[in-house]
Amino acid sequence: MELKRRTENELIEELKGIIAAARTIMLVSYRGLTIEQDTRLRRLLREHGCKYQIYKHTLLERALIESGHTNLAYYGAKD
């Protein structure tokens, strides 16, 4: 359990760094996309210098709150 907690905390710190360095943050739901659509979206975003990454909601929410972005933290919390 301790290893898991430490790993989660490290990931949250990493996410906070990404959030701090980002000029723009977009939160989207990928539900309903086919694999082909998801692949095409990833390719388009990469071509435009964007990063498309999937994170566990609870960890991203904690990182956003700790970074002062509480307005984004609750986006999509309840679908």
C-alpha atoms as a PDB file:
ATOM      1  CA  MET A   1       0.000   0.000   0.000  1.00  0.00           C
ATOM      2  CA  GLU A   2       2.817   2.419   0.858  1.00  0.00           C
ATOM      3  CA  LEU A   3       4.428   1.916  -2.561  1.00  0.00           C
ATOM      4  CA  LYS A   4       1.110   2.636  -4.264  1.00  0.00           C
ATOM      5  CA  ARG A   5       0.575   5.837  -2.226  1.00  0.00           C
ATOM      6  CA  ARG A   6       4.092   7.059  -3.009  1.00  0.00           C
ATOM      7  CA  THR A   7       3.600   6.346  -6.707  1.00  0.00           C
ATOM      8  CA  GLU A   8       0.274   8.209  -6.747  1.00  0.00           C
ATOM      9  CA  ASN A   9       1.850  11.194  -5.000  1.00  0.00           C
ATOM     10  CA  GLU A  10       4.721  11.211  -7.497  1.00  0.00           C
ATOM     11  CA  LEU A  11       2.242  11.148 -10.382  1.00  0.00           C
ATOM     12  CA  ILE A  12       0.286  14.030  -8.855  1.00  0.00           C
ATOM     13  CA  GLU A  13       3.497  16.064  -8.566  1.00  0.00           C
ATOM     14  CA  GLU A  14       4.315  15.260 -12.202  1.00  0.00           C
ATOM     15  CA  LEU A  15       0.817  16.324 -13.278  1.00  0.00           C
ATOM     16  CA  LYS A  16       1.151  19.565 -11.306  1.00  0.00           C
ATOM     17  CA  GLY A  17       4.339  20.298 -13.258  1.00  0.00           C
ATOM     18  CA  ILE A  18       2.600  19.637 -16.561  1.00  0.00           C
ATOM     19  CA  ILE A  19      -0.311  21.863 -15.521  1.00  0.00           C
ATOM     20  CA  ALA A  20       2.029  24.677 -14.459  1.00  0.00           C
ATOM     21  CA  ALA A  21       3.905  24.562 -17.775  1.00  0.00           C
ATOM     22  CA  ALA A  22       0.803  24.327 -19.979  1.00  0.00           C
ATOM     23  CA  ARG A  23      -0.456  27.331 -21.908  1.00  0.00           C
ATOM     24  CA  THR A  24      -3.808  25.638 -22.447  1.00  0.00           C
ATOM     25  CA  ILE A  25      -5.529  22.716 -20.748  1.00  0.00           C
ATOM     26  CA  MET A  26      -8.440  20.891 -22.359  1.00  0.00           C
ATOM     27  CA  LEU A  27     -10.407  18.195 -20.595  1.00  0.00           C
ATOM     28  CA  VAL A  28     -12.383  15.932 -22.871  1.00  0.00           C
ATOM     29  CA  SER A  29     -14.267  12.689 -22.681  1.00  0.00           C
ATOM     30  CA  TYR A  30     -13.089  10.055 -25.095  1.00  0.00           C
ATOM     31  CA  ARG A  31     -16.087   7.807 -24.483  1.00  0.00           C
ATOM     32  CA  GLY A  32     -17.838   6.769 -27.643  1.00  0.00           C
ATOM     33  CA  LEU A  33     -14.789   7.197 -29.880  1.00  0.00           C
ATOM     34  CA  THR A  34     -13.768   4.228 -31.945  1.00  0.00           C
ATOM     35  CA  ILE A  35     -10.123   3.180 -31.898  1.00  0.00           C
ATOM     36  CA  GLU A  36      -9.766   4.592 -35.411  1.00  0.00           C
ATOM     37  CA  GLN A  37     -11.213   7.957 -34.350  1.00  0.00           C
ATOM     38  CA  ASP A  38      -9.018   8.058 -31.254  1.00  0.00           C
ATOM     39  CA  THR A  39      -5.922   7.270 -33.318  1.00  0.00           C
ATOM     40  CA  ARG A  40      -6.805   9.981 -35.834  1.00  0.00           C
ATOM     41  CA  LEU A  41      -7.369  12.500 -33.025  1.00  0.00           C
ATOM     42  CA  ARG A  42      -4.029  11.643 -31.407  1.00  0.00           C
ATOM     43  CA  ARG A  43      -2.249  12.041 -34.747  1.00  0.00           C
ATOM     44  CA  LEU A  44      -3.842  15.424 -35.462  1.00  0.00           C
ATOM     45  CA  LEU A  45      -3.040  16.730 -31.999  1.00  0.00           C
ATOM     46  CA  ARG A  46       0.563  15.519 -32.204  1.00  0.00           C
ATOM     47  CA  GLU A  47       0.977  17.216 -35.613  1.00  0.00           C
ATOM     48  CA  HIS A  48      -0.050  20.494 -33.966  1.00  0.00           C
ATOM     49  CA  GLY A  49       2.302  20.096 -31.002  1.00  0.00           C
ATOM     50  CA  CYS A  50      -0.386  19.040 -28.540  1.00  0.00           C
ATOM     51  CA  LYS A  51      -0.189  16.288 -25.966  1.00  0.00           C
ATOM     52  CA  TYR A  52      -3.118  13.879 -25.597  1.00  0.00           C
ATOM     53  CA  GLN A  53      -2.892  11.891 -22.408  1.00  0.00           C
ATOM     54  CA  ILE A  54      -5.358   9.881 -20.371  1.00  0.00           C
ATOM     55  CA  TYR A  55      -5.130  10.139 -16.592  1.00  0.00           C
ATOM     56  CA  LYS A  56      -7.113   8.595 -13.783  1.00  0.00           C
ATOM     57  CA  HIS A  57      -9.814  11.135 -12.927  1.00  0.00           C
ATOM     58  CA  THR A  58      -9.153  11.218  -9.182  1.00  0.00           C
ATOM     59  CA  LEU A  59      -5.422  11.838  -9.597  1.00  0.00           C
ATOM     60  CA  LEU A  60      -5.958  14.583 -12.172  1.00  0.00           C
ATOM     61  CA  GLU A  61      -8.601  16.162  -9.960  1.00  0.00           C
ATOM     62  CA  ARG A  62      -6.180  16.259  -6.996  1.00  0.00           C
ATOM     63  CA  ALA A  63      -3.416  17.755  -9.155  1.00  0.00           C
ATOM     64  CA  LEU A  64      -5.773  20.429 -10.500  1.00  0.00           C
ATOM     65  CA  ILE A  65      -7.023  21.356  -7.037  1.00  0.00           C
ATOM     66  CA  GLU A  66      -3.492  21.496  -5.623  1.00  0.00           C
ATOM     67  CA  SER A  67      -2.500  23.690  -8.594  1.00  0.00           C
ATOM     68  CA  GLY A  68      -5.302  26.131  -7.882  1.00  0.00           C
ATOM     69  CA  HIS A  69      -7.458  25.110 -10.840  1.00  0.00           C
ATOM     70  CA  THR A  70     -10.550  24.162  -8.883  1.00  0.00           C
ATOM     71  CA  ASN A  71     -12.744  25.373 -11.763  1.00  0.00           C
ATOM     72  CA  LEU A  72     -11.316  22.577 -13.951  1.00  0.00           C
ATOM     73  CA  ALA A  73     -11.122  19.966 -11.196  1.00  0.00           C
ATOM     74  CA  TYR A  74     -14.833  19.284 -11.174  1.00  0.00           C
ATOM     75  CA  TYR A  75     -15.306  19.199 -14.940  1.00  0.00           C
ATOM     76  CA  GLY A  76     -16.893  15.893 -15.807  1.00  0.00           C
ATOM     77  CA  ALA A  77     -16.874  14.682 -12.214  1.00  0.00           C
ATOM     78  CA  LYS A  78     -20.444  13.448 -12.610  1.00  0.00           C
ATOM     79  CA  ASP A  79     -21.437  12.225 -16.079  1.00  0.00           C
END
